[in-house]
Amino acid sequence: MFDVALIIAKAIRRFGRDRSGNAMVEFGLVALPFFLLMFGLAEVTLIGFAQTTLDHAVTEVSRTIRTGEAQNAGQTYDQIQTQICTEMTALMPVTCAGNLFIDVHSFPSFLSVTNNSPIQGGNFDSSGFNYDAGTSSSIVVVRAYFRWHIITPMFQTVFANVSGGDRILASTMMFRNEPY
């Protein structure tokens, strides 16, 4: 009769010498952090591209305000917002509804310009936003904010700047309207 202890000891030694599953076990240990890092890197790249796209859109639409084209056409907040969204979606597919906010104010001089952050205590407050493109030669500040929904689970705490795990991207353009 075989001794059970001897059989178990041989099986343990055989298991300890077996190397056929090493690569699979090592990949299993490294796969989760590796893919999380890759998705996080992709998210950072997308956030950077969205920021650049927002900057481009604000620059293009601000040109219509600076030249008086928007004022002469009687454009409204919604029309300017739609133009910025159109410029953004031309480069990157984004959902603007409920995510894009604009704030356009005119000032009599550069010294009177105020720039209050709409992010207070981890909350985004757009209640003070309006559309005042000014008149000829007035100082105008165009600010656009885009709510980016962070997709990568463990990076929400790192990238988010408002509650709910979202990041508010901001773009600002300040200029003097041309004499039109």
N, C-alpha and C. Protein backbone atom coordinates (compact mmCIF):
# COMPACT_ATOMS: atom_id res chain seq x y z
N MET A 1 0.83 -1.16 0.00
CA MET A 1 0.00 0.00 0.00
C MET A 1 0.89 1.25 0.00
N PHE A 2 0.45 2.25 -0.71
CA PHE A 2 1.21 3.49 -0.79
C PHE A 2 0.95 4.34 0.44
N ASP A 3 1.98 4.97 0.82
CA ASP A 3 1.86 5.90 1.94
C ASP A 3 1.28 7.23 1.41
N VAL A 4 0.18 7.70 1.97
CA VAL A 4 -0.49 8.92 1.51
C VAL A 4 0.41 10.13 1.68
N ALA A 5 1.16 10.20 2.74
CA ALA A 5 2.05 11.33 2.99
C ALA A 5 3.13 11.40 1.94
N LEU A 6 3.63 10.25 1.51
CA LEU A 6 4.66 10.20 0.48
C LEU A 6 4.10 10.67 -0.87
N ILE A 7 2.89 10.29 -1.18
CA ILE A 7 2.25 10.71 -2.43
C ILE A 7 2.03 12.22 -2.43
N ILE A 8 1.57 12.75 -1.33
CA ILE A 8 1.33 14.20 -1.23
C ILE A 8 2.65 14.96 -1.34
N ALA A 9 3.69 14.48 -0.69
CA ALA A 9 5.00 15.14 -0.75
C ALA A 9 5.53 15.16 -2.17
N LYS A 10 5.40 14.03 -2.90
CA LYS A 10 5.86 13.98 -4.28
C LYS A 10 5.07 14.96 -5.16
N ALA A 11 3.76 15.02 -4.92
CA ALA A 11 2.92 15.93 -5.72
C ALA A 11 3.30 17.39 -5.47
N ILE A 12 3.60 17.73 -4.23
CA ILE A 12 3.99 19.11 -3.90
C ILE A 12 5.33 19.45 -4.56
N ARG A 13 6.29 18.51 -4.52
CA ARG A 13 7.59 18.75 -5.16
C ARG A 13 7.43 18.90 -6.68
N ARG A 14 6.59 18.05 -7.27
CA ARG A 14 6.34 18.12 -8.70
C ARG A 14 5.68 19.47 -9.07
N PHE A 15 4.74 19.92 -8.27
CA PHE A 15 4.07 21.21 -8.50
C PHE A 15 5.06 22.36 -8.37
N GLY A 16 5.99 22.28 -7.41
CA GLY A 16 6.98 23.33 -7.21
C GLY A 16 7.97 23.43 -8.35
N ARG A 17 8.27 22.30 -9.03
CA ARG A 17 9.22 22.31 -10.15
C ARG A 17 8.57 22.66 -11.48
N ASP A 18 7.25 22.55 -11.57
CA ASP A 18 6.54 22.78 -12.84
C ASP A 18 6.55 24.28 -13.17
N ARG A 19 6.99 24.63 -14.38
CA ARG A 19 7.08 26.03 -14.81
C ARG A 19 6.17 26.34 -16.01
N SER A 20 5.28 25.45 -16.37
CA SER A 20 4.50 25.61 -17.59
C SER A 20 3.48 26.75 -17.53
N GLY A 21 3.04 27.21 -16.37
CA GLY A 21 2.04 28.27 -16.28
C GLY A 21 2.58 29.59 -15.78
N ASN A 22 3.90 29.72 -15.71
CA ASN A 22 4.50 30.95 -15.17
C ASN A 22 4.08 32.20 -15.93
N ALA A 23 4.16 32.15 -17.25
CA ALA A 23 3.85 33.33 -18.05
C ALA A 23 2.40 33.76 -17.85
N MET A 24 1.51 32.79 -17.76
CA MET A 24 0.10 33.13 -17.59
C MET A 24 -0.15 33.76 -16.22
N VAL A 25 0.48 33.22 -15.20
CA VAL A 25 0.31 33.77 -13.85
C VAL A 25 0.91 35.18 -13.77
N GLU A 26 2.11 35.34 -14.34
CA GLU A 26 2.74 36.67 -14.31
C GLU A 26 1.92 37.69 -15.09
N PHE A 27 1.39 37.30 -16.25
CA PHE A 27 0.55 38.21 -17.01
C PHE A 27 -0.72 38.56 -16.24
N GLY A 28 -1.28 37.58 -15.58
CA GLY A 28 -2.47 37.83 -14.77
C GLY A 28 -2.21 38.83 -13.66
N LEU A 29 -1.02 38.81 -13.09
CA LEU A 29 -0.68 39.76 -12.02
C LEU A 29 -0.41 41.16 -12.57
N VAL A 30 0.13 41.24 -13.76
CA VAL A 30 0.54 42.52 -14.33
C VAL A 30 -0.55 43.13 -15.23
N ALA A 31 -1.47 42.33 -15.73
CA ALA A 31 -2.45 42.80 -16.72
C ALA A 31 -3.33 43.93 -16.21
N LEU A 32 -3.91 43.79 -15.03
CA LEU A 32 -4.82 44.82 -14.52
C LEU A 32 -4.13 46.18 -14.38
N PRO A 33 -2.97 46.27 -13.68
CA PRO A 33 -2.31 47.58 -13.60
C PRO A 33 -1.88 48.11 -14.97
N PHE A 34 -1.43 47.20 -15.84
CA PHE A 34 -0.99 47.63 -17.17
C PHE A 34 -2.14 48.25 -17.97
N PHE A 35 -3.28 47.56 -18.03
CA PHE A 35 -4.40 48.07 -18.80
C PHE A 35 -5.01 49.32 -18.16
N LEU A 36 -5.02 49.39 -16.85
CA LEU A 36 -5.48 50.60 -16.18
C LEU A 36 -4.60 51.79 -16.55
N LEU A 37 -3.30 51.56 -16.57
CA LEU A 37 -2.36 52.62 -16.95
C LEU A 37 -2.56 53.02 -18.41
N MET A 38 -2.77 52.05 -19.28
CA MET A 38 -2.99 52.35 -20.70
C MET A 38 -4.29 53.15 -20.90
N PHE A 39 -5.37 52.75 -20.24
CA PHE A 39 -6.63 53.48 -20.36
C PHE A 39 -6.51 54.88 -19.74
N GLY A 40 -5.77 54.99 -18.65
CA GLY A 40 -5.54 56.31 -18.04
C GLY A 40 -4.76 57.21 -18.97
N LEU A 41 -3.76 56.67 -19.64
CA LEU A 41 -2.97 57.45 -20.60
C LEU A 41 -3.84 57.89 -21.77
N ALA A 42 -4.70 56.99 -22.25
CA ALA A 42 -5.61 57.35 -23.33
C ALA A 42 -6.57 58.46 -22.87
N GLU A 43 -7.02 58.39 -21.63
CA GLU A 43 -7.93 59.42 -21.10
C GLU A 43 -7.23 60.78 -21.02
N VAL A 44 -5.99 60.80 -20.56
CA VAL A 44 -5.24 62.06 -20.50
C VAL A 44 -5.08 62.64 -21.90
N THR A 45 -4.83 61.78 -22.87
CA THR A 45 -4.69 62.24 -24.26
C THR A 45 -6.00 62.82 -24.76
N LEU A 46 -7.11 62.16 -24.49
CA LEU A 46 -8.41 62.67 -24.92
C LEU A 46 -8.76 63.99 -24.24
N ILE A 47 -8.44 64.11 -22.96
CA ILE A 47 -8.70 65.37 -22.24
C ILE A 47 -7.88 66.50 -22.87
N GLY A 48 -6.62 66.23 -23.17
CA GLY A 48 -5.77 67.24 -23.81
C GLY A 48 -6.29 67.64 -25.17
N PHE A 49 -6.75 66.66 -25.94
CA PHE A 49 -7.30 66.96 -27.26
C PHE A 49 -8.61 67.74 -27.15
N ALA A 50 -9.44 67.39 -26.17
CA ALA A 50 -10.70 68.13 -25.96
C ALA A 50 -10.41 69.57 -25.55
N GLN A 51 -9.38 69.77 -24.70
CA GLN A 51 -9.00 71.13 -24.28
C GLN A 51 -8.53 71.95 -25.48
N THR A 52 -7.71 71.35 -26.32
CA THR A 52 -7.22 72.04 -27.51
C THR A 52 -8.37 72.36 -28.47
N THR A 53 -9.30 71.43 -28.59
CA THR A 53 -10.46 71.63 -29.45
C THR A 53 -11.33 72.78 -28.92
N LEU A 54 -11.52 72.83 -27.61
CA LEU A 54 -12.29 73.92 -27.00
C LEU A 54 -11.59 75.25 -27.22
N ASP A 55 -10.28 75.30 -27.03
CA ASP A 55 -9.52 76.53 -27.26
C ASP A 55 -9.68 77.02 -28.70
N HIS A 56 -9.58 76.09 -29.64
CA HIS A 56 -9.74 76.44 -31.05
C HIS A 56 -11.14 77.00 -31.33
N ALA A 57 -12.15 76.33 -30.79
CA ALA A 57 -13.53 76.77 -31.02
C ALA A 57 -13.76 78.17 -30.45
N VAL A 58 -13.26 78.42 -29.24
CA VAL A 58 -13.43 79.75 -28.63
C VAL A 58 -12.71 80.82 -29.44
N THR A 59 -11.53 80.50 -29.93
CA THR A 59 -10.78 81.46 -30.75
C THR A 59 -11.54 81.80 -32.02
N GLU A 60 -12.07 80.80 -32.70
CA GLU A 60 -12.79 81.03 -33.95
C GLU A 60 -14.08 81.82 -33.74
N VAL A 61 -14.85 81.46 -32.73
CA VAL A 61 -16.12 82.15 -32.49
C VAL A 61 -15.88 83.55 -31.93
N SER A 62 -14.83 83.72 -31.13
CA SER A 62 -14.51 85.05 -30.60
C SER A 62 -14.19 86.04 -31.71
N ARG A 63 -13.66 85.53 -32.80
CA ARG A 63 -13.34 86.41 -33.93
C ARG A 63 -14.61 87.07 -34.47
N THR A 64 -15.75 86.35 -34.47
CA THR A 64 -17.00 86.96 -34.95
C THR A 64 -17.50 88.04 -34.00
N ILE A 65 -17.20 87.88 -32.71
CA ILE A 65 -17.58 88.91 -31.73
C ILE A 65 -16.65 90.11 -31.87
N ARG A 66 -15.36 89.84 -31.98
CA ARG A 66 -14.36 90.91 -32.05
C ARG A 66 -14.57 91.81 -33.26
N THR A 67 -15.01 91.24 -34.37
CA THR A 67 -15.20 92.04 -35.58
C THR A 67 -16.59 92.68 -35.65
N GLY A 68 -17.47 92.36 -34.69
CA GLY A 68 -18.81 92.92 -34.68
C GLY A 68 -19.81 92.14 -35.52
N GLU A 69 -19.34 91.07 -36.14
CA GLU A 69 -20.22 90.24 -36.98
C GLU A 69 -21.37 89.64 -36.15
N ALA A 70 -21.06 89.16 -34.95
CA ALA A 70 -22.10 88.56 -34.10
C ALA A 70 -23.09 89.61 -33.62
N GLN A 71 -22.61 90.79 -33.25
CA GLN A 71 -23.50 91.85 -32.76
C GLN A 71 -24.40 92.36 -33.88
N ASN A 72 -23.84 92.58 -35.09
CA ASN A 72 -24.64 93.07 -36.21
C ASN A 72 -25.69 92.06 -36.66
N ALA A 73 -25.39 90.78 -36.46
CA ALA A 73 -26.36 89.73 -36.84
C ALA A 73 -27.37 89.47 -35.71
N GLY A 74 -27.16 90.12 -34.56
CA GLY A 74 -28.07 89.95 -33.43
C GLY A 74 -28.02 88.55 -32.83
N GLN A 75 -26.84 87.95 -32.83
CA GLN A 75 -26.72 86.58 -32.32
C GLN A 75 -26.97 86.51 -30.82
N THR A 76 -27.55 85.40 -30.40
CA THR A 76 -27.91 85.18 -29.00
C THR A 76 -26.94 84.20 -28.35
N TYR A 77 -27.13 84.00 -27.06
CA TYR A 77 -26.33 83.03 -26.29
C TYR A 77 -26.39 81.66 -26.96
N ASP A 78 -27.59 81.21 -27.29
CA ASP A 78 -27.76 79.88 -27.88
C ASP A 78 -27.06 79.76 -29.23
N GLN A 79 -27.08 80.80 -30.01
CA GLN A 79 -26.43 80.76 -31.32
C GLN A 79 -24.90 80.70 -31.18
N ILE A 80 -24.36 81.48 -30.24
CA ILE A 80 -22.92 81.45 -30.00
C ILE A 80 -22.51 80.08 -29.46
N GLN A 81 -23.31 79.55 -28.55
CA GLN A 81 -23.04 78.22 -27.99
C GLN A 81 -23.07 77.16 -29.10
N THR A 82 -24.01 77.26 -30.00
CA THR A 82 -24.10 76.32 -31.12
C THR A 82 -22.88 76.44 -32.04
N GLN A 83 -22.42 77.67 -32.26
CA GLN A 83 -21.23 77.86 -33.09
C GLN A 83 -19.99 77.21 -32.44
N ILE A 84 -19.84 77.41 -31.13
CA ILE A 84 -18.70 76.79 -30.44
C ILE A 84 -18.81 75.27 -30.52
N CYS A 85 -20.00 74.75 -30.32
CA CYS A 85 -20.21 73.30 -30.40
C CYS A 85 -19.90 72.78 -31.80
N THR A 86 -20.33 73.51 -32.82
CA THR A 86 -20.05 73.10 -34.20
C THR A 86 -18.56 73.07 -34.47
N GLU A 87 -17.84 74.08 -33.99
CA GLU A 87 -16.39 74.12 -34.15
C GLU A 87 -15.72 72.96 -33.41
N MET A 88 -16.22 72.63 -32.22
CA MET A 88 -15.63 71.53 -31.46
C MET A 88 -15.88 70.19 -32.13
N THR A 89 -17.12 69.96 -32.56
CA THR A 89 -17.45 68.66 -33.14
C THR A 89 -16.83 68.46 -34.52
N ALA A 90 -16.36 69.53 -35.15
CA ALA A 90 -15.66 69.38 -36.42
C ALA A 90 -14.34 68.65 -36.22
N LEU A 91 -13.74 68.78 -35.05
CA LEU A 91 -12.45 68.13 -34.77
C LEU A 91 -12.58 66.89 -33.89
N MET A 92 -13.60 66.87 -33.02
CA MET A 92 -13.72 65.78 -32.07
C MET A 92 -15.19 65.56 -31.75
N PRO A 93 -15.67 64.34 -31.87
CA PRO A 93 -17.09 64.11 -31.56
C PRO A 93 -17.37 64.23 -30.07
N VAL A 94 -18.09 65.25 -29.68
CA VAL A 94 -18.45 65.47 -28.27
C VAL A 94 -19.95 65.78 -28.19
N THR A 95 -20.50 65.57 -27.02
CA THR A 95 -21.90 65.90 -26.77
C THR A 95 -21.95 67.23 -26.04
N CYS A 96 -22.44 68.26 -26.70
CA CYS A 96 -22.46 69.59 -26.12
C CYS A 96 -23.67 69.83 -25.22
N ALA A 97 -24.77 69.16 -25.49
CA ALA A 97 -26.00 69.39 -24.72
C ALA A 97 -25.77 69.08 -23.25
N GLY A 98 -25.89 70.11 -22.42
CA GLY A 98 -25.70 69.95 -20.98
C GLY A 98 -24.25 69.93 -20.54
N ASN A 99 -23.32 69.97 -21.49
CA ASN A 99 -21.90 69.93 -21.14
C ASN A 99 -21.14 71.21 -21.50
N LEU A 100 -21.67 72.01 -22.40
CA LEU A 100 -20.99 73.23 -22.86
C LEU A 100 -21.70 74.45 -22.30
N PHE A 101 -20.92 75.32 -21.65
CA PHE A 101 -21.45 76.55 -21.06
C PHE A 101 -20.58 77.70 -21.53
N ILE A 102 -21.20 78.83 -21.86
CA ILE A 102 -20.42 80.00 -22.26
C ILE A 102 -20.79 81.19 -21.38
N ASP A 103 -19.84 82.09 -21.26
CA ASP A 103 -20.03 83.31 -20.47
C ASP A 103 -19.32 84.43 -21.22
N VAL A 104 -20.07 85.40 -21.70
CA VAL A 104 -19.51 86.51 -22.47
C VAL A 104 -19.89 87.80 -21.76
N HIS A 105 -18.87 88.55 -21.35
CA HIS A 105 -19.09 89.82 -20.65
C HIS A 105 -18.29 90.93 -21.33
N SER A 106 -18.83 92.13 -21.32
CA SER A 106 -18.07 93.29 -21.82
C SER A 106 -17.75 94.20 -20.64
N PHE A 107 -16.63 94.89 -20.77
CA PHE A 107 -16.13 95.77 -19.70
C PHE A 107 -15.68 97.09 -20.32
N PRO A 108 -15.73 98.16 -19.55
CA PRO A 108 -15.31 99.46 -20.10
C PRO A 108 -13.79 99.58 -20.25
N SER A 109 -13.01 98.84 -19.44
CA SER A 109 -11.55 98.90 -19.54
C SER A 109 -10.96 97.56 -19.12
N PHE A 110 -9.69 97.39 -19.42
CA PHE A 110 -9.01 96.15 -19.04
C PHE A 110 -8.88 96.03 -17.52
N LEU A 111 -8.77 97.16 -16.84
CA LEU A 111 -8.63 97.15 -15.38
C LEU A 111 -9.91 96.71 -14.67
N SER A 112 -11.03 96.85 -15.31
CA SER A 112 -12.29 96.48 -14.66
C SER A 112 -12.69 95.02 -14.90
N VAL A 113 -11.87 94.27 -15.60
CA VAL A 113 -12.19 92.86 -15.90
C VAL A 113 -12.08 92.03 -14.62
N THR A 114 -13.10 91.25 -14.37
CA THR A 114 -13.08 90.30 -13.26
C THR A 114 -13.14 88.89 -13.81
N ASN A 115 -12.49 87.99 -13.12
CA ASN A 115 -12.46 86.60 -13.58
C ASN A 115 -12.71 85.70 -12.38
N ASN A 116 -13.96 85.50 -12.06
CA ASN A 116 -14.32 84.64 -10.94
C ASN A 116 -14.50 83.20 -11.43
N SER A 117 -13.96 82.27 -10.69
CA SER A 117 -14.07 80.87 -11.08
C SER A 117 -15.47 80.35 -10.78
N PRO A 118 -16.07 79.64 -11.73
CA PRO A 118 -17.39 79.07 -11.48
C PRO A 118 -17.33 77.77 -10.67
N ILE A 119 -16.12 77.33 -10.36
CA ILE A 119 -15.96 76.11 -9.56
C ILE A 119 -15.69 76.54 -8.12
N GLN A 120 -16.65 76.31 -7.26
CA GLN A 120 -16.53 76.67 -5.85
C GLN A 120 -16.90 75.46 -5.00
N GLY A 121 -15.99 75.04 -4.15
CA GLY A 121 -16.26 73.92 -3.26
C GLY A 121 -16.55 72.62 -3.98
N GLY A 122 -15.94 72.41 -5.13
CA GLY A 122 -16.15 71.19 -5.88
C GLY A 122 -17.42 71.15 -6.70
N ASN A 123 -18.12 72.29 -6.79
CA ASN A 123 -19.36 72.36 -7.58
C ASN A 123 -19.20 73.39 -8.68
N PHE A 124 -19.82 73.12 -9.82
CA PHE A 124 -19.80 74.03 -10.96
C PHE A 124 -21.09 74.84 -10.95
N ASP A 125 -20.97 76.17 -10.92
CA ASP A 125 -22.13 77.04 -10.85
C ASP A 125 -22.14 77.96 -12.07
N SER A 126 -23.08 77.74 -12.97
CA SER A 126 -23.18 78.56 -14.18
C SER A 126 -24.28 79.60 -14.08
N SER A 127 -24.78 79.86 -12.89
CA SER A 127 -25.92 80.77 -12.73
C SER A 127 -25.58 82.22 -13.10
N GLY A 128 -24.33 82.63 -12.98
CA GLY A 128 -23.97 84.01 -13.29
C GLY A 128 -23.57 84.22 -14.74
N PHE A 129 -23.72 83.22 -15.59
CA PHE A 129 -23.30 83.34 -16.98
C PHE A 129 -24.34 84.11 -17.78
N ASN A 130 -23.84 84.93 -18.72
CA ASN A 130 -24.75 85.62 -19.63
C ASN A 130 -24.03 85.90 -20.94
N TYR A 131 -24.69 86.63 -21.81
CA TYR A 131 -24.11 86.95 -23.11
C TYR A 131 -24.24 88.45 -23.35
N ASP A 132 -23.09 89.14 -23.24
CA ASP A 132 -23.03 90.57 -23.51
C ASP A 132 -21.77 90.80 -24.34
N ALA A 133 -21.94 90.83 -25.66
CA ALA A 133 -20.79 90.94 -26.57
C ALA A 133 -20.26 92.36 -26.69
N GLY A 134 -20.90 93.31 -26.04
CA GLY A 134 -20.42 94.68 -26.05
C GLY A 134 -20.67 95.39 -27.37
N THR A 135 -20.07 96.56 -27.44
CA THR A 135 -20.21 97.39 -28.64
C THR A 135 -18.83 97.65 -29.22
N SER A 136 -18.76 98.54 -30.17
CA SER A 136 -17.50 98.89 -30.81
C SER A 136 -16.47 99.35 -29.77
N SER A 137 -15.29 98.82 -29.82
CA SER A 137 -14.13 99.17 -28.98
C SER A 137 -14.29 98.81 -27.50
N SER A 138 -15.27 98.03 -27.12
CA SER A 138 -15.37 97.61 -25.71
C SER A 138 -14.51 96.37 -25.47
N ILE A 139 -14.15 96.17 -24.22
CA ILE A 139 -13.35 95.02 -23.82
C ILE A 139 -14.31 93.85 -23.59
N VAL A 140 -14.00 92.70 -24.17
CA VAL A 140 -14.88 91.54 -24.06
C VAL A 140 -14.07 90.34 -23.58
N VAL A 141 -14.66 89.59 -22.65
CA VAL A 141 -14.08 88.33 -22.19
C VAL A 141 -15.06 87.22 -22.54
N VAL A 142 -14.58 86.28 -23.35
CA VAL A 142 -15.36 85.11 -23.74
C VAL A 142 -14.78 83.91 -23.00
N ARG A 143 -15.62 83.27 -22.20
CA ARG A 143 -15.18 82.08 -21.47
C ARG A 143 -16.11 80.93 -21.84
N ALA A 144 -15.53 79.78 -22.10
CA ALA A 144 -16.32 78.59 -22.40
C ALA A 144 -15.86 77.48 -21.46
N TYR A 145 -16.82 76.72 -20.97
CA TYR A 145 -16.55 75.61 -20.07
C TYR A 145 -17.19 74.35 -20.64
N PHE A 146 -16.43 73.26 -20.60
CA PHE A 146 -16.95 71.98 -21.11
C PHE A 146 -16.79 70.93 -20.02
N ARG A 147 -17.89 70.26 -19.71
CA ARG A 147 -17.87 69.19 -18.70
C ARG A 147 -17.45 67.89 -19.38
N TRP A 148 -16.28 67.38 -18.96
CA TRP A 148 -15.74 66.13 -19.51
C TRP A 148 -16.01 65.01 -18.52
N HIS A 149 -16.70 63.98 -18.99
CA HIS A 149 -17.00 62.83 -18.14
C HIS A 149 -15.81 61.87 -18.16
N ILE A 150 -15.18 61.67 -17.02
CA ILE A 150 -14.01 60.81 -16.93
C ILE A 150 -14.46 59.36 -16.96
N ILE A 151 -13.86 58.59 -17.84
CA ILE A 151 -14.28 57.21 -18.08
C ILE A 151 -13.49 56.21 -17.24
N THR A 152 -12.19 56.41 -17.12
CA THR A 152 -11.34 55.45 -16.42
C THR A 152 -11.65 55.47 -14.94
N PRO A 153 -12.08 54.34 -14.37
CA PRO A 153 -12.60 54.32 -13.00
C PRO A 153 -11.65 54.86 -11.92
N MET A 154 -10.46 54.37 -11.84
CA MET A 154 -9.58 54.74 -10.73
C MET A 154 -8.94 56.12 -10.91
N PHE A 155 -9.09 56.74 -12.07
CA PHE A 155 -8.50 58.04 -12.32
C PHE A 155 -9.47 59.19 -12.07
N GLN A 156 -10.71 58.89 -11.73
CA GLN A 156 -11.68 59.95 -11.47
C GLN A 156 -11.23 60.85 -10.33
N THR A 157 -10.67 60.27 -9.29
CA THR A 157 -10.22 61.09 -8.16
C THR A 157 -9.02 61.95 -8.53
N VAL A 158 -8.23 61.52 -9.50
CA VAL A 158 -7.04 62.27 -9.91
C VAL A 158 -7.40 63.40 -10.87
N PHE A 159 -8.25 63.11 -11.86
CA PHE A 159 -8.55 64.07 -12.92
C PHE A 159 -9.73 64.99 -12.60
N ALA A 160 -10.64 64.57 -11.77
CA ALA A 160 -11.86 65.35 -11.52
C ALA A 160 -11.56 66.64 -10.77
N ASN A 161 -12.24 67.73 -11.17
CA ASN A 161 -12.12 68.98 -10.42
C ASN A 161 -13.49 69.48 -9.95
N VAL A 162 -14.54 68.69 -10.18
CA VAL A 162 -15.87 68.96 -9.63
C VAL A 162 -16.43 67.64 -9.11
N SER A 163 -17.42 67.75 -8.25
CA SER A 163 -18.03 66.55 -7.70
C SER A 163 -18.71 65.75 -8.80
N GLY A 164 -18.83 64.47 -8.59
CA GLY A 164 -19.43 63.60 -9.59
C GLY A 164 -18.41 62.96 -10.51
N GLY A 165 -17.12 63.20 -10.28
CA GLY A 165 -16.08 62.58 -11.09
C GLY A 165 -15.91 63.18 -12.47
N ASP A 166 -16.30 64.44 -12.66
CA ASP A 166 -16.14 65.11 -13.95
C ASP A 166 -15.02 66.13 -13.89
N ARG A 167 -14.55 66.53 -15.05
CA ARG A 167 -13.52 67.57 -15.15
C ARG A 167 -14.10 68.70 -15.99
N ILE A 168 -13.98 69.92 -15.48
CA ILE A 168 -14.43 71.09 -16.23
C ILE A 168 -13.22 71.65 -16.98
N LEU A 169 -13.32 71.65 -18.29
CA LEU A 169 -12.30 72.25 -19.14
C LEU A 169 -12.71 73.69 -19.40
N ALA A 170 -11.75 74.59 -19.36
CA ALA A 170 -12.07 76.01 -19.52
C ALA A 170 -11.18 76.64 -20.59
N SER A 171 -11.76 77.57 -21.32
CA SER A 171 -11.02 78.32 -22.31
C SER A 171 -11.47 79.78 -22.24
N THR A 172 -10.52 80.70 -22.23
CA THR A 172 -10.84 82.12 -22.09
C THR A 172 -10.16 82.92 -23.19
N MET A 173 -10.88 83.90 -23.70
CA MET A 173 -10.34 84.80 -24.71
C MET A 173 -10.73 86.22 -24.31
N MET A 174 -9.74 87.12 -24.21
CA MET A 174 -10.03 88.51 -23.86
C MET A 174 -9.48 89.40 -24.96
N PHE A 175 -10.27 90.37 -25.38
CA PHE A 175 -9.86 91.23 -26.48
C PHE A 175 -10.67 92.54 -26.45
N ARG A 176 -10.21 93.48 -27.25
CA ARG A 176 -10.96 94.73 -27.48
C ARG A 176 -11.65 94.59 -28.83
N ASN A 177 -12.96 94.84 -28.84
CA ASN A 177 -13.69 94.80 -30.09
C ASN A 177 -13.13 95.81 -31.07
N GLU A 178 -13.15 95.46 -32.33
CA GLU A 178 -12.71 96.37 -33.36
C GLU A 178 -13.73 97.49 -33.54
N PRO A 179 -13.30 98.64 -33.99
CA PRO A 179 -14.27 99.72 -34.24
C PRO A 179 -15.08 99.39 -35.50
N TYR A 180 -16.24 98.86 -35.31
CA TYR A 180 -17.08 98.47 -36.47
C TYR A 180 -18.23 99.43 -36.65
